[in-house]
Amino acid sequence: RLSEILRDYPVLAEAQVLTLRESLSC
């Protein structure tokens, strides 16, 4: 159901975004 939340609240879909490429630097 988490995908429903990202659909209903776009601000959460764009919050704290970490892409696969960016994650390598972690």
mmCIF file of all heavy atoms, coordinates in Angstrom:
data_MODEL
# 
_entry.id   MODEL 
# 
loop_
_atom_site.group_PDB 
_atom_site.id 
_atom_site.type_symbol 
_atom_site.label_atom_id 
_atom_site.label_alt_id 
_atom_site.label_comp_id 
_atom_site.label_asym_id 
_atom_site.label_entity_id 
_atom_site.label_seq_id 
_atom_site.pdbx_PDB_ins_code 
_atom_site.Cartn_x 
_atom_site.Cartn_y 
_atom_site.Cartn_z 
_atom_site.occupancy 
_atom_site.B_iso_or_equiv 
_atom_site.pdbx_formal_charge 
_atom_site.auth_seq_id 
_atom_site.auth_comp_id 
_atom_site.auth_asym_id 
_atom_site.auth_atom_id 
_atom_site.pdbx_PDB_model_num 
ATOM 1   N N   . ARG A 1 1  ? 0.810  -1.213 0.000   1.00 0.00 ? 1  ARG A N   1 
ATOM 2   C CA  . ARG A 1 1  ? 0.000  0.000  0.000   1.00 0.00 ? 1  ARG A CA  1 
ATOM 3   C C   . ARG A 1 1  ? 0.847  1.268  0.000   1.00 0.00 ? 1  ARG A C   1 
ATOM 4   O O   . ARG A 1 1  ? 0.309  2.383  -0.112  1.00 0.00 ? 1  ARG A O   1 
ATOM 5   C CB  . ARG A 1 1  ? -0.959 0.005  1.197   1.00 0.00 ? 1  ARG A CB  1 
ATOM 6   C CG  . ARG A 1 1  ? -1.927 -1.163 1.236   1.00 0.00 ? 1  ARG A CG  1 
ATOM 7   C CD  . ARG A 1 1  ? -3.181 -0.837 2.017   1.00 0.00 ? 1  ARG A CD  1 
ATOM 8   N NE  . ARG A 1 1  ? -3.957 0.221  1.386   1.00 0.00 ? 1  ARG A NE  1 
ATOM 9   C CZ  . ARG A 1 1  ? -5.082 0.746  1.916   1.00 0.00 ? 1  ARG A CZ  1 
ATOM 10  N NH1 . ARG A 1 1  ? -5.524 0.306  3.080   1.00 0.00 ? 1  ARG A NH1 1 
ATOM 11  N NH2 . ARG A 1 1  ? -5.732 1.712  1.288   1.00 0.00 ? 1  ARG A NH2 1 
ATOM 12  N N   . LEU A 1 2  ? 2.146  1.121  0.115   1.00 0.00 ? 2  LEU A N   1 
ATOM 13  C CA  . LEU A 1 2  ? 3.014  2.303  0.150   1.00 0.00 ? 2  LEU A CA  1 
ATOM 14  C C   . LEU A 1 2  ? 2.972  3.078  -1.162  1.00 0.00 ? 2  LEU A C   1 
ATOM 15  O O   . LEU A 1 2  ? 3.078  4.310  -1.171  1.00 0.00 ? 2  LEU A O   1 
ATOM 16  C CB  . LEU A 1 2  ? 4.445  1.884  0.475   1.00 0.00 ? 2  LEU A CB  1 
ATOM 17  C CG  . LEU A 1 2  ? 4.674  1.345  1.891   1.00 0.00 ? 2  LEU A CG  1 
ATOM 18  C CD1 . LEU A 1 2  ? 6.100  0.808  2.040   1.00 0.00 ? 2  LEU A CD1 1 
ATOM 19  C CD2 . LEU A 1 2  ? 4.404  2.432  2.932   1.00 0.00 ? 2  LEU A CD2 1 
ATOM 20  N N   . SER A 1 3  ? 2.806  2.376  -2.284  1.00 0.00 ? 3  SER A N   1 
ATOM 21  C CA  . SER A 1 3  ? 2.735  3.060  -3.580  1.00 0.00 ? 3  SER A CA  1 
ATOM 22  C C   . SER A 1 3  ? 1.491  3.935  -3.672  1.00 0.00 ? 3  SER A C   1 
ATOM 23  O O   . SER A 1 3  ? 1.502  4.968  -4.360  1.00 0.00 ? 3  SER A O   1 
ATOM 24  C CB  . SER A 1 3  ? 2.760  2.040  -4.717  1.00 0.00 ? 3  SER A CB  1 
ATOM 25  O OG  . SER A 1 3  ? 1.717  1.091  -4.570  1.00 0.00 ? 3  SER A OG  1 
ATOM 26  N N   . GLU A 1 4  ? 0.414  3.545  -2.970  1.00 0.00 ? 4  GLU A N   1 
ATOM 27  C CA  . GLU A 1 4  ? -0.791 4.375  -2.943  1.00 0.00 ? 4  GLU A CA  1 
ATOM 28  C C   . GLU A 1 4  ? -0.500 5.725  -2.297  1.00 0.00 ? 4  GLU A C   1 
ATOM 29  O O   . GLU A 1 4  ? -1.000 6.766  -2.747  1.00 0.00 ? 4  GLU A O   1 
ATOM 30  C CB  . GLU A 1 4  ? -1.902 3.675  -2.151  1.00 0.00 ? 4  GLU A CB  1 
ATOM 31  C CG  . GLU A 1 4  ? -2.401 2.369  -2.715  1.00 0.00 ? 4  GLU A CG  1 
ATOM 32  C CD  . GLU A 1 4  ? -3.438 1.739  -1.795  1.00 0.00 ? 4  GLU A CD  1 
ATOM 33  O OE1 . GLU A 1 4  ? -4.295 2.490  -1.270  1.00 0.00 ? 4  GLU A OE1 1 
ATOM 34  O OE2 . GLU A 1 4  ? -3.382 0.518  -1.574  1.00 0.00 ? 4  GLU A OE2 1 
ATOM 35  N N   . ILE A 1 5  ? 0.299  5.706  -1.259  1.00 0.00 ? 5  ILE A N   1 
ATOM 36  C CA  . ILE A 1 5  ? 0.628  6.935  -0.539  1.00 0.00 ? 5  ILE A CA  1 
ATOM 37  C C   . ILE A 1 5  ? 1.440  7.874  -1.420  1.00 0.00 ? 5  ILE A C   1 
ATOM 38  O O   . ILE A 1 5  ? 1.182  9.081  -1.466  1.00 0.00 ? 5  ILE A O   1 
ATOM 39  C CB  . ILE A 1 5  ? 1.387  6.598  0.756   1.00 0.00 ? 5  ILE A CB  1 
ATOM 40  C CG1 . ILE A 1 5  ? 0.467  5.814  1.692   1.00 0.00 ? 5  ILE A CG1 1 
ATOM 41  C CG2 . ILE A 1 5  ? 1.903  7.856  1.436   1.00 0.00 ? 5  ILE A CG2 1 
ATOM 42  C CD1 . ILE A 1 5  ? 1.176  5.203  2.877   1.00 0.00 ? 5  ILE A CD1 1 
ATOM 43  N N   . LEU A 1 6  ? 2.421  7.323  -2.142  1.00 0.00 ? 6  LEU A N   1 
ATOM 44  C CA  . LEU A 1 6  ? 3.217  8.153  -3.038  1.00 0.00 ? 6  LEU A CA  1 
ATOM 45  C C   . LEU A 1 6  ? 2.359  8.740  -4.151  1.00 0.00 ? 6  LEU A C   1 
ATOM 46  O O   . LEU A 1 6  ? 2.596  9.865  -4.608  1.00 0.00 ? 6  LEU A O   1 
ATOM 47  C CB  . LEU A 1 6  ? 4.364  7.333  -3.634  1.00 0.00 ? 6  LEU A CB  1 
ATOM 48  C CG  . LEU A 1 6  ? 5.373  6.747  -2.647  1.00 0.00 ? 6  LEU A CG  1 
ATOM 49  C CD1 . LEU A 1 6  ? 6.526  6.101  -3.399  1.00 0.00 ? 6  LEU A CD1 1 
ATOM 50  C CD2 . LEU A 1 6  ? 5.892  7.796  -1.672  1.00 0.00 ? 6  LEU A CD2 1 
ATOM 51  N N   . ARG A 1 7  ? 1.362  7.989  -4.581  1.00 0.00 ? 7  ARG A N   1 
ATOM 52  C CA  . ARG A 1 7  ? 0.440  8.490  -5.611  1.00 0.00 ? 7  ARG A CA  1 
ATOM 53  C C   . ARG A 1 7  ? -0.437 9.611  -5.058  1.00 0.00 ? 7  ARG A C   1 
ATOM 54  O O   . ARG A 1 7  ? -0.653 10.634 -5.718  1.00 0.00 ? 7  ARG A O   1 
ATOM 55  C CB  . ARG A 1 7  ? -0.442 7.338  -6.100  1.00 0.00 ? 7  ARG A CB  1 
ATOM 56  C CG  . ARG A 1 7  ? -1.492 7.728  -7.148  1.00 0.00 ? 7  ARG A CG  1 
ATOM 57  C CD  . ARG A 1 7  ? -2.574 6.666  -7.210  1.00 0.00 ? 7  ARG A CD  1 
ATOM 58  N NE  . ARG A 1 7  ? -3.314 6.604  -5.948  1.00 0.00 ? 7  ARG A NE  1 
ATOM 59  C CZ  . ARG A 1 7  ? -3.992 5.518  -5.534  1.00 0.00 ? 7  ARG A CZ  1 
ATOM 60  N NH1 . ARG A 1 7  ? -3.983 4.414  -6.263  1.00 0.00 ? 7  ARG A NH1 1 
ATOM 61  N NH2 . ARG A 1 7  ? -4.655 5.547  -4.394  1.00 0.00 ? 7  ARG A NH2 1 
ATOM 62  N N   . ASP A 1 8  ? -0.929 9.436  -3.835  1.00 0.00 ? 8  ASP A N   1 
ATOM 63  C CA  . ASP A 1 8  ? -1.858 10.403 -3.248  1.00 0.00 ? 8  ASP A CA  1 
ATOM 64  C C   . ASP A 1 8  ? -1.160 11.624 -2.678  1.00 0.00 ? 8  ASP A C   1 
ATOM 65  O O   . ASP A 1 8  ? -1.768 12.699 -2.566  1.00 0.00 ? 8  ASP A O   1 
ATOM 66  C CB  . ASP A 1 8  ? -2.694 9.726  -2.152  1.00 0.00 ? 8  ASP A CB  1 
ATOM 67  C CG  . ASP A 1 8  ? -3.598 8.632  -2.691  1.00 0.00 ? 8  ASP A CG  1 
ATOM 68  O OD1 . ASP A 1 8  ? -3.814 8.596  -3.925  1.00 0.00 ? 8  ASP A OD1 1 
ATOM 69  O OD2 . ASP A 1 8  ? -4.089 7.805  -1.892  1.00 0.00 ? 8  ASP A OD2 1 
ATOM 70  N N   . TYR A 1 9  ? 0.115  11.468 -2.289  1.00 0.00 ? 9  TYR A N   1 
ATOM 71  C CA  . TYR A 1 9  ? 0.864  12.589 -1.708  1.00 0.00 ? 9  TYR A CA  1 
ATOM 72  C C   . TYR A 1 9  ? 2.190  12.747 -2.461  1.00 0.00 ? 9  TYR A C   1 
ATOM 73  O O   . TYR A 1 9  ? 3.231  12.265 -2.021  1.00 0.00 ? 9  TYR A O   1 
ATOM 74  C CB  . TYR A 1 9  ? 1.124  12.351 -0.217  1.00 0.00 ? 9  TYR A CB  1 
ATOM 75  C CG  . TYR A 1 9  ? -0.141 12.286 0.609   1.00 0.00 ? 9  TYR A CG  1 
ATOM 76  C CD1 . TYR A 1 9  ? -0.663 11.062 1.020   1.00 0.00 ? 9  TYR A CD1 1 
ATOM 77  C CD2 . TYR A 1 9  ? -0.826 13.443 0.955   1.00 0.00 ? 9  TYR A CD2 1 
ATOM 78  C CE1 . TYR A 1 9  ? -1.830 11.001 1.771   1.00 0.00 ? 9  TYR A CE1 1 
ATOM 79  C CE2 . TYR A 1 9  ? -1.992 13.394 1.707   1.00 0.00 ? 9  TYR A CE2 1 
ATOM 80  C CZ  . TYR A 1 9  ? -2.486 12.172 2.101   1.00 0.00 ? 9  TYR A CZ  1 
ATOM 81  O OH  . TYR A 1 9  ? -3.643 12.116 2.846   1.00 0.00 ? 9  TYR A OH  1 
ATOM 82  N N   . PRO A 1 10 ? 2.166  13.427 -3.594  1.00 0.00 ? 10 PRO A N   1 
ATOM 83  C CA  . PRO A 1 10 ? 3.379  13.594 -4.402  1.00 0.00 ? 10 PRO A CA  1 
ATOM 84  C C   . PRO A 1 10 ? 4.543  14.200 -3.628  1.00 0.00 ? 10 PRO A C   1 
ATOM 85  O O   . PRO A 1 10 ? 5.703  13.920 -3.942  1.00 0.00 ? 10 PRO A O   1 
ATOM 86  C CB  . PRO A 1 10 ? 2.919  14.522 -5.535  1.00 0.00 ? 10 PRO A CB  1 
ATOM 87  C CG  . PRO A 1 10 ? 1.441  14.278 -5.636  1.00 0.00 ? 10 PRO A CG  1 
ATOM 88  C CD  . PRO A 1 10 ? 0.983  14.029 -4.233  1.00 0.00 ? 10 PRO A CD  1 
ATOM 89  N N   . VAL A 1 11 ? 4.246  15.015 -2.608  1.00 0.00 ? 11 VAL A N   1 
ATOM 90  C CA  . VAL A 1 11 ? 5.326  15.622 -1.838  1.00 0.00 ? 11 VAL A CA  1 
ATOM 91  C C   . VAL A 1 11 ? 6.157  14.555 -1.136  1.00 0.00 ? 11 VAL A C   1 
ATOM 92  O O   . VAL A 1 11 ? 7.384  14.691 -0.986  1.00 0.00 ? 11 VAL A O   1 
ATOM 93  C CB  . VAL A 1 11 ? 4.769  16.659 -0.826  1.00 0.00 ? 11 VAL A CB  1 
ATOM 94  C CG1 . VAL A 1 11 ? 3.954  15.978 0.263   1.00 0.00 ? 11 VAL A CG1 1 
ATOM 95  C CG2 . VAL A 1 11 ? 5.891  17.488 -0.227  1.00 0.00 ? 11 VAL A CG2 1 
ATOM 96  N N   . LEU A 1 12 ? 5.527  13.470 -0.722  1.00 0.00 ? 12 LEU A N   1 
ATOM 97  C CA  . LEU A 1 12 ? 6.264  12.365 -0.117  1.00 0.00 ? 12 LEU A CA  1 
ATOM 98  C C   . LEU A 1 12 ? 7.023  11.565 -1.171  1.00 0.00 ? 12 LEU A C   1 
ATOM 99  O O   . LEU A 1 12 ? 8.083  11.006 -0.883  1.00 0.00 ? 12 LEU A O   1 
ATOM 100 C CB  . LEU A 1 12 ? 5.304  11.447 0.659   1.00 0.00 ? 12 LEU A CB  1 
ATOM 101 C CG  . LEU A 1 12 ? 4.757  12.004 1.971   1.00 0.00 ? 12 LEU A CG  1 
ATOM 102 C CD1 . LEU A 1 12 ? 3.769  11.018 2.595   1.00 0.00 ? 12 LEU A CD1 1 
ATOM 103 C CD2 . LEU A 1 12 ? 5.877  12.315 2.960   1.00 0.00 ? 12 LEU A CD2 1 
ATOM 104 N N   . ALA A 1 13 ? 6.484  11.520 -2.371  1.00 0.00 ? 13 ALA A N   1 
ATOM 105 C CA  . ALA A 1 13 ? 7.170  10.809 -3.452  1.00 0.00 ? 13 ALA A CA  1 
ATOM 106 C C   . ALA A 1 13 ? 8.476  11.499 -3.822  1.00 0.00 ? 13 ALA A C   1 
ATOM 107 O O   . ALA A 1 13 ? 9.411  10.855 -4.315  1.00 0.00 ? 13 ALA A O   1 
ATOM 108 C CB  . ALA A 1 13 ? 6.265  10.719 -4.680  1.00 0.00 ? 13 ALA A CB  1 
ATOM 109 N N   . GLU A 1 14 ? 8.562  12.807 -3.580  1.00 0.00 ? 14 GLU A N   1 
ATOM 110 C CA  . GLU A 1 14 ? 9.768  13.559 -3.926  1.00 0.00 ? 14 GLU A CA  1 
ATOM 111 C C   . GLU A 1 14 ? 10.655 13.850 -2.730  1.00 0.00 ? 14 GLU A C   1 
ATOM 112 O O   . GLU A 1 14 ? 11.695 14.500 -2.868  1.00 0.00 ? 14 GLU A O   1 
ATOM 113 C CB  . GLU A 1 14 ? 9.363  14.882 -4.595  1.00 0.00 ? 14 GLU A CB  1 
ATOM 114 C CG  . GLU A 1 14 ? 8.627  14.706 -5.908  1.00 0.00 ? 14 GLU A CG  1 
ATOM 115 C CD  . GLU A 1 14 ? 9.427  13.869 -6.898  1.00 0.00 ? 14 GLU A CD  1 
ATOM 116 O OE1 . GLU A 1 14 ? 10.652 14.072 -6.990  1.00 0.00 ? 14 GLU A OE1 1 
ATOM 117 O OE2 . GLU A 1 14 ? 8.829  13.008 -7.561  1.00 0.00 ? 14 GLU A OE2 1 
ATOM 118 N N   . ALA A 1 15 ? 10.269 13.379 -1.562  1.00 0.00 ? 15 ALA A N   1 
ATOM 119 C CA  . ALA A 1 15 ? 11.043 13.652 -0.350  1.00 0.00 ? 15 ALA A CA  1 
ATOM 120 C C   . ALA A 1 15 ? 12.144 12.622 -0.149  1.00 0.00 ? 15 ALA A C   1 
ATOM 121 O O   . ALA A 1 15 ? 11.942 11.431 -0.376  1.00 0.00 ? 15 ALA A O   1 
ATOM 122 C CB  . ALA A 1 15 ? 10.115 13.648 0.876   1.00 0.00 ? 15 ALA A CB  1 
ATOM 123 N N   . GLN A 1 16 ? 13.313 13.086 0.268   1.00 0.00 ? 16 GLN A N   1 
ATOM 124 C CA  . GLN A 1 16 ? 14.427 12.223 0.639   1.00 0.00 ? 16 GLN A CA  1 
ATOM 125 C C   . GLN A 1 16 ? 14.812 11.239 -0.461  1.00 0.00 ? 16 GLN A C   1 
ATOM 126 O O   . GLN A 1 16 ? 15.223 10.111 -0.182  1.00 0.00 ? 16 GLN A O   1 
ATOM 127 C CB  . GLN A 1 16 ? 14.082 11.441 1.925   1.00 0.00 ? 16 GLN A CB  1 
ATOM 128 C CG  . GLN A 1 16 ? 13.700 12.306 3.118   1.00 0.00 ? 16 GLN A CG  1 
ATOM 129 C CD  . GLN A 1 16 ? 14.807 13.249 3.514   1.00 0.00 ? 16 GLN A CD  1 
ATOM 130 O OE1 . GLN A 1 16 ? 14.844 14.380 3.084   1.00 0.00 ? 16 GLN A OE1 1 
ATOM 131 N NE2 . GLN A 1 16 ? 15.725 12.782 4.320   1.00 0.00 ? 16 GLN A NE2 1 
ATOM 132 N N   . VAL A 1 17 ? 14.660 11.643 -1.711  1.00 0.00 ? 17 VAL A N   1 
ATOM 133 C CA  . VAL A 1 17 ? 14.912 10.739 -2.834  1.00 0.00 ? 17 VAL A CA  1 
ATOM 134 C C   . VAL A 1 17 ? 16.399 10.393 -2.939  1.00 0.00 ? 17 VAL A C   1 
ATOM 135 O O   . VAL A 1 17 ? 17.269 11.264 -2.901  1.00 0.00 ? 17 VAL A O   1 
ATOM 136 C CB  . VAL A 1 17 ? 14.411 11.349 -4.161  1.00 0.00 ? 17 VAL A CB  1 
ATOM 137 C CG1 . VAL A 1 17 ? 14.914 10.528 -5.348  1.00 0.00 ? 17 VAL A CG1 1 
ATOM 138 C CG2 . VAL A 1 17 ? 12.893 11.421 -4.165  1.00 0.00 ? 17 VAL A CG2 1 
ATOM 139 N N   . LEU A 1 18 ? 16.652 9.108  -3.075  1.00 0.00 ? 18 LEU A N   1 
ATOM 140 C CA  . LEU A 1 18 ? 17.998 8.591  -3.274  1.00 0.00 ? 18 LEU A CA  1 
ATOM 141 C C   . LEU A 1 18 ? 17.931 7.610  -4.436  1.00 0.00 ? 18 LEU A C   1 
ATOM 142 O O   . LEU A 1 18 ? 17.241 6.593  -4.351  1.00 0.00 ? 18 LEU A O   1 
ATOM 143 C CB  . LEU A 1 18 ? 18.488 7.886  -2.008  1.00 0.00 ? 18 LEU A CB  1 
ATOM 144 C CG  . LEU A 1 18 ? 19.927 7.368  -1.987  1.00 0.00 ? 18 LEU A CG  1 
ATOM 145 C CD1 . LEU A 1 18 ? 20.910 8.531  -1.979  1.00 0.00 ? 18 LEU A CD1 1 
ATOM 146 C CD2 . LEU A 1 18 ? 20.148 6.490  -0.764  1.00 0.00 ? 18 LEU A CD2 1 
ATOM 147 N N   . THR A 1 19 ? 18.608 7.918  -5.527  1.00 0.00 ? 19 THR A N   1 
ATOM 148 C CA  . THR A 1 19 ? 18.571 7.035  -6.686  1.00 0.00 ? 19 THR A CA  1 
ATOM 149 C C   . THR A 1 19 ? 19.581 5.902  -6.516  1.00 0.00 ? 19 THR A C   1 
ATOM 150 O O   . THR A 1 19 ? 20.456 5.951  -5.648  1.00 0.00 ? 19 THR A O   1 
ATOM 151 C CB  . THR A 1 19 ? 18.895 7.801  -7.982  1.00 0.00 ? 19 THR A CB  1 
ATOM 152 O OG1 . THR A 1 19 ? 20.262 8.232  -7.931  1.00 0.00 ? 19 THR A OG1 1 
ATOM 153 C CG2 . THR A 1 19 ? 17.974 9.002  -8.146  1.00 0.00 ? 19 THR A CG2 1 
ATOM 154 N N   . LEU A 1 20 ? 19.456 4.911  -7.376  1.00 0.00 ? 20 LEU A N   1 
ATOM 155 C CA  . LEU A 1 20 ? 20.391 3.772  -7.326  1.00 0.00 ? 20 LEU A CA  1 
ATOM 156 C C   . LEU A 1 20 ? 21.826 4.251  -7.525  1.00 0.00 ? 20 LEU A C   1 
ATOM 157 O O   . LEU A 1 20 ? 22.743 3.829  -6.809  1.00 0.00 ? 20 LEU A O   1 
ATOM 158 C CB  . LEU A 1 20 ? 20.005 2.746  -8.394  1.00 0.00 ? 20 LEU A CB  1 
ATOM 159 C CG  . LEU A 1 20 ? 20.806 1.446  -8.417  1.00 0.00 ? 20 LEU A CG  1 
ATOM 160 C CD1 . LEU A 1 20 ? 20.674 0.706  -7.098  1.00 0.00 ? 20 LEU A CD1 1 
ATOM 161 C CD2 . LEU A 1 20 ? 20.320 0.562  -9.568  1.00 0.00 ? 20 LEU A CD2 1 
ATOM 162 N N   . ARG A 1 21 ? 22.024 5.148  -8.457  1.00 0.00 ? 21 ARG A N   1 
ATOM 163 C CA  . ARG A 1 21 ? 23.370 5.672  -8.719  1.00 0.00 ? 21 ARG A CA  1 
ATOM 164 C C   . ARG A 1 21 ? 23.883 6.488  -7.530  1.00 0.00 ? 21 ARG A C   1 
ATOM 165 O O   . ARG A 1 21 ? 25.038 6.339  -7.121  1.00 0.00 ? 21 ARG A O   1 
ATOM 166 C CB  . ARG A 1 21 ? 23.351 6.525  -9.983  1.00 0.00 ? 21 ARG A CB  1 
ATOM 167 C CG  . ARG A 1 21 ? 24.719 7.072  -10.367 1.00 0.00 ? 21 ARG A CG  1 
ATOM 168 C CD  . ARG A 1 21 ? 24.649 7.823  -11.683 1.00 0.00 ? 21 ARG A CD  1 
ATOM 169 N NE  . ARG A 1 21 ? 25.949 8.328  -12.080 1.00 0.00 ? 21 ARG A NE  1 
ATOM 170 C CZ  . ARG A 1 21 ? 26.183 9.010  -13.203 1.00 0.00 ? 21 ARG A CZ  1 
ATOM 171 N NH1 . ARG A 1 21 ? 25.172 9.236  -14.046 1.00 0.00 ? 21 ARG A NH1 1 
ATOM 172 N NH2 . ARG A 1 21 ? 27.385 9.438  -13.492 1.00 0.00 ? 21 ARG A NH2 1 
ATOM 173 N N   . GLU A 1 22 ? 23.037 7.331  -6.987  1.00 0.00 ? 22 GLU A N   1 
ATOM 174 C CA  . GLU A 1 22 ? 23.442 8.155  -5.848  1.00 0.00 ? 22 GLU A CA  1 
ATOM 175 C C   . GLU A 1 22 ? 23.761 7.316  -4.625  1.00 0.00 ? 22 GLU A C   1 
ATOM 176 O O   . GLU A 1 22 ? 24.623 7.676  -3.819  1.00 0.00 ? 22 GLU A O   1 
ATOM 177 C CB  . GLU A 1 22 ? 22.336 9.161  -5.514  1.00 0.00 ? 22 GLU A CB  1 
ATOM 178 C CG  . GLU A 1 22 ? 22.158 10.259 -6.527  1.00 0.00 ? 22 GLU A CG  1 
ATOM 179 C CD  . GLU A 1 22 ? 20.914 11.096 -6.289  1.00 0.00 ? 22 GLU A CD  1 
ATOM 180 O OE1 . GLU A 1 22 ? 19.960 10.580 -5.662  1.00 0.00 ? 22 GLU A OE1 1 
ATOM 181 O OE2 . GLU A 1 22 ? 20.877 12.255 -6.732  1.00 0.00 ? 22 GLU A OE2 1 
ATOM 182 N N   . SER A 1 23 ? 23.072 6.193  -4.487  1.00 0.00 ? 23 SER A N   1 
ATOM 183 C CA  . SER A 1 23 ? 23.249 5.375  -3.284  1.00 0.00 ? 23 SER A CA  1 
ATOM 184 C C   . SER A 1 23 ? 24.658 4.807  -3.170  1.00 0.00 ? 23 SER A C   1 
ATOM 185 O O   . SER A 1 23 ? 25.127 4.521  -2.058  1.00 0.00 ? 23 SER A O   1 
ATOM 186 C CB  . SER A 1 23 ? 22.229 4.233  -3.269  1.00 0.00 ? 23 SER A CB  1 
ATOM 187 O OG  . SER A 1 23 ? 22.522 3.255  -4.264  1.00 0.00 ? 23 SER A OG  1 
ATOM 188 N N   . LEU A 1 24 ? 25.337 4.646  -4.298  1.00 0.00 ? 24 LEU A N   1 
ATOM 189 C CA  . LEU A 1 24 ? 26.682 4.069  -4.253  1.00 0.00 ? 24 LEU A CA  1 
ATOM 190 C C   . LEU A 1 24 ? 27.641 4.943  -3.454  1.00 0.00 ? 24 LEU A C   1 
ATOM 191 O O   . LEU A 1 24 ? 28.570 4.434  -2.819  1.00 0.00 ? 24 LEU A O   1 
ATOM 192 C CB  . LEU A 1 24 ? 27.209 3.867  -5.671  1.00 0.00 ? 24 LEU A CB  1 
ATOM 193 C CG  . LEU A 1 24 ? 26.388 2.919  -6.561  1.00 0.00 ? 24 LEU A CG  1 
ATOM 194 C CD1 . LEU A 1 24 ? 26.995 2.858  -7.961  1.00 0.00 ? 24 LEU A CD1 1 
ATOM 195 C CD2 . LEU A 1 24 ? 26.309 1.530  -5.936  1.00 0.00 ? 24 LEU A CD2 1 
ATOM 196 N N   . SER A 1 25 ? 27.422 6.251  -3.469  1.00 0.00 ? 25 SER A N   1 
ATOM 197 C CA  . SER A 1 25 ? 28.301 7.157  -2.732  1.00 0.00 ? 25 SER A CA  1 
ATOM 198 C C   . SER A 1 25 ? 28.085 7.074  -1.222  1.00 0.00 ? 25 SER A C   1 
ATOM 199 O O   . SER A 1 25 ? 28.922 7.549  -0.448  1.00 0.00 ? 25 SER A O   1 
ATOM 200 C CB  . SER A 1 25 ? 28.101 8.601  -3.203  1.00 0.00 ? 25 SER A CB  1 
ATOM 201 O OG  . SER A 1 25 ? 26.798 9.058  -2.891  1.00 0.00 ? 25 SER A OG  1 
ATOM 202 N N   . CYS A 1 26 ? 26.986 6.478  -0.799  1.00 0.00 ? 26 CYS A N   1 
ATOM 203 C CA  . CYS A 1 26 ? 26.717 6.361  0.638   1.00 0.00 ? 26 CYS A CA  1 
ATOM 204 C C   . CYS A 1 26 ? 27.764 5.488  1.336   1.00 0.00 ? 26 CYS A C   1 
ATOM 205 O O   . CYS A 1 26 ? 28.021 5.649  2.525   1.00 0.00 ? 26 CYS A O   1 
ATOM 206 C CB  . CYS A 1 26 ? 25.332 5.772  0.874   1.00 0.00 ? 26 CYS A CB  1 
ATOM 207 S SG  . CYS A 1 26 ? 23.975 6.847  0.356   1.00 0.00 ? 26 CYS A SG  1 
# 
